[in-house]
């Protein structure tokens, strides 16, 4: 008897450049990747960035915690940062390439459009 893995179809987008994201056909996804997320059908989606597929959980309901990688948009451009925590009135971040660490005021983070945190990264979907 063949074992069948339950799946769900999630929205998908492709990052064309720093300013443009296009809608793609929905992607069949194993349910076990998203079943722990409340209302996962609405709160998770795939983003293709070059040749890498990234599963994103929306904020809210997900709150960034230490070590999370967050997808954001600032002044029309998309980006990723790693959330390292808070120190006094500042938030400590690492860039998406994991090269630079910066400390920014909390109000800067609040001004960004936070779309979600990275749940999974893979080459194919």
Protein backbone atom coordinates (compact mmCIF):
# COMPACT_ATOMS: atom_id res chain seq x y z
CA UNK A 1 0.00 0.00 0.00
CA UNK A 2 1.39 3.39 -1.04
CA UNK A 3 1.60 6.06 1.63
CA UNK A 4 0.00 9.35 0.57
CA UNK A 5 1.25 12.61 2.07
CA UNK A 6 -1.55 15.16 2.55
CA UNK A 7 -0.96 18.38 0.61
CA UNK A 8 -2.40 21.87 0.31
CA UNK A 9 -2.13 24.45 -2.50
CA UNK A 10 -0.50 27.73 -1.40
CA UNK A 11 -0.15 31.06 -3.20
CA UNK A 12 3.17 31.66 -4.95
CA UNK A 13 5.03 34.73 -6.19
CA UNK A 14 8.28 35.40 -8.04
CA UNK A 15 10.57 38.27 -7.15
CA UNK A 16 11.41 39.69 -10.58
CA UNK A 17 13.64 42.49 -9.31
CA UNK A 18 13.89 44.53 -6.11
CA UNK A 19 10.69 46.39 -7.01
CA UNK A 20 8.44 43.79 -8.68
CA UNK A 21 6.78 40.60 -7.48
CA UNK A 22 4.58 38.60 -9.91
CA UNK A 23 1.88 36.04 -9.05
CA UNK A 24 2.60 32.42 -10.04
CA UNK A 25 0.26 29.42 -10.11
CA UNK A 26 -0.50 27.97 -6.65
CA UNK A 27 2.09 25.45 -5.43
CA UNK A 28 1.21 22.05 -3.98
CA UNK A 29 2.85 21.87 -0.56
CA UNK A 30 3.07 19.05 2.00
CA UNK A 31 0.63 19.87 4.79
CA UNK A 32 3.20 19.00 7.47
CA UNK A 33 5.24 22.12 6.51
CA UNK A 34 2.44 24.52 7.44
CA UNK A 35 -0.04 22.71 9.71
CA UNK A 36 1.42 24.36 12.84
CA UNK A 37 0.52 27.84 11.52
CA UNK A 38 -2.90 29.22 12.36
CA UNK A 39 -5.05 29.65 9.20
CA UNK A 40 -2.09 28.46 7.10
CA UNK A 41 -3.97 28.80 3.80
CA UNK A 42 -4.07 32.59 4.28
CA UNK A 43 -0.92 33.04 6.37
CA UNK A 44 1.71 31.23 4.29
CA UNK A 45 2.95 31.64 0.72
CA UNK A 46 5.91 30.75 -1.51
CA UNK A 47 8.33 33.33 -2.97
CA UNK A 48 10.75 32.38 -5.75
CA UNK A 49 13.90 34.48 -5.43
CA UNK A 50 16.12 33.73 -8.43
CA UNK A 51 16.37 29.92 -8.34
CA UNK A 52 15.48 29.47 -4.64
CA UNK A 53 11.96 28.87 -3.28
CA UNK A 54 11.21 30.36 0.13
CA UNK A 55 8.16 29.46 2.22
CA UNK A 56 7.03 32.56 4.12
CA UNK A 57 4.72 32.80 7.15
CA UNK A 58 2.94 36.17 7.31
CA UNK A 59 3.39 38.70 10.12
CA UNK A 60 0.98 38.76 11.92
CA UNK A 61 0.29 36.20 13.27
CA UNK A 62 3.97 35.27 13.37
CA UNK A 63 6.19 37.43 15.56
CA UNK A 64 9.92 37.58 14.80
CA UNK A 65 12.09 35.93 17.41
CA UNK A 66 15.85 35.50 17.71
CA UNK A 67 17.32 33.84 14.61
CA UNK A 68 14.30 34.40 12.33
CA UNK A 69 14.83 35.58 8.76
CA UNK A 70 12.21 38.18 7.79
CA UNK A 71 10.96 39.25 4.35
CA UNK A 72 10.26 43.00 4.22
CA UNK A 73 9.62 45.86 1.84
CA UNK A 74 11.07 49.36 2.25
CA UNK A 75 10.54 52.26 -0.16
CA UNK A 76 9.33 49.85 -2.85
CA UNK A 77 12.26 47.43 -2.56
CA UNK A 78 12.18 43.87 -1.20
CA UNK A 79 14.76 42.50 1.21
CA UNK A 80 15.59 39.96 3.90
CA UNK A 81 17.09 40.42 7.34
CA UNK A 82 17.93 38.10 10.21
CA UNK A 83 16.42 39.18 13.52
CA UNK A 84 19.03 38.78 16.29
CA UNK A 85 17.14 40.36 19.19
CA UNK A 86 16.81 43.62 21.08
CA UNK A 87 19.28 45.70 23.09
CA UNK A 88 17.76 48.54 25.12
CA UNK A 89 15.86 50.71 22.59
CA UNK A 90 17.47 49.13 19.50
CA UNK A 91 16.89 46.03 17.40
CA UNK A 92 19.90 43.98 16.25
CA UNK A 93 19.71 42.76 12.64
CA UNK A 94 21.94 40.89 10.22
CA UNK A 95 21.62 41.38 6.45
CA UNK A 96 20.16 38.68 4.19
CA UNK A 97 23.62 37.64 3.01
CA UNK A 98 24.75 37.21 6.63
CA UNK A 99 27.63 39.66 6.11
CA UNK A 100 26.82 42.75 8.23
CA UNK A 101 25.25 43.30 11.64
CA UNK A 102 23.47 46.56 12.44
CA UNK A 103 21.59 48.06 15.36
CA UNK A 104 18.59 50.18 14.43
CA UNK A 105 16.00 52.05 16.50
CA UNK A 106 12.76 50.12 17.05
CA UNK A 107 10.78 52.77 15.17
CA UNK A 108 12.76 51.96 11.98
CA UNK A 109 11.57 48.35 12.17
CA UNK A 110 8.00 49.52 12.77
CA UNK A 111 8.20 51.66 9.60
CA UNK A 112 9.06 48.65 7.39
CA UNK A 113 6.39 46.55 5.70
CA UNK A 114 7.09 43.16 7.31
CA UNK A 115 5.56 40.43 5.15
CA UNK A 116 6.62 37.34 7.02
CA UNK A 117 9.34 35.15 8.36
CA UNK A 118 11.10 32.44 6.39
CA UNK A 119 9.84 28.98 7.33
CA UNK A 120 11.70 26.92 4.75
CA UNK A 121 14.14 27.39 1.84
CA UNK A 122 14.55 24.86 -0.98
CA UNK A 123 15.59 24.61 -4.64
CA UNK A 124 12.42 22.99 -6.02
CA UNK A 125 8.72 22.93 -5.19
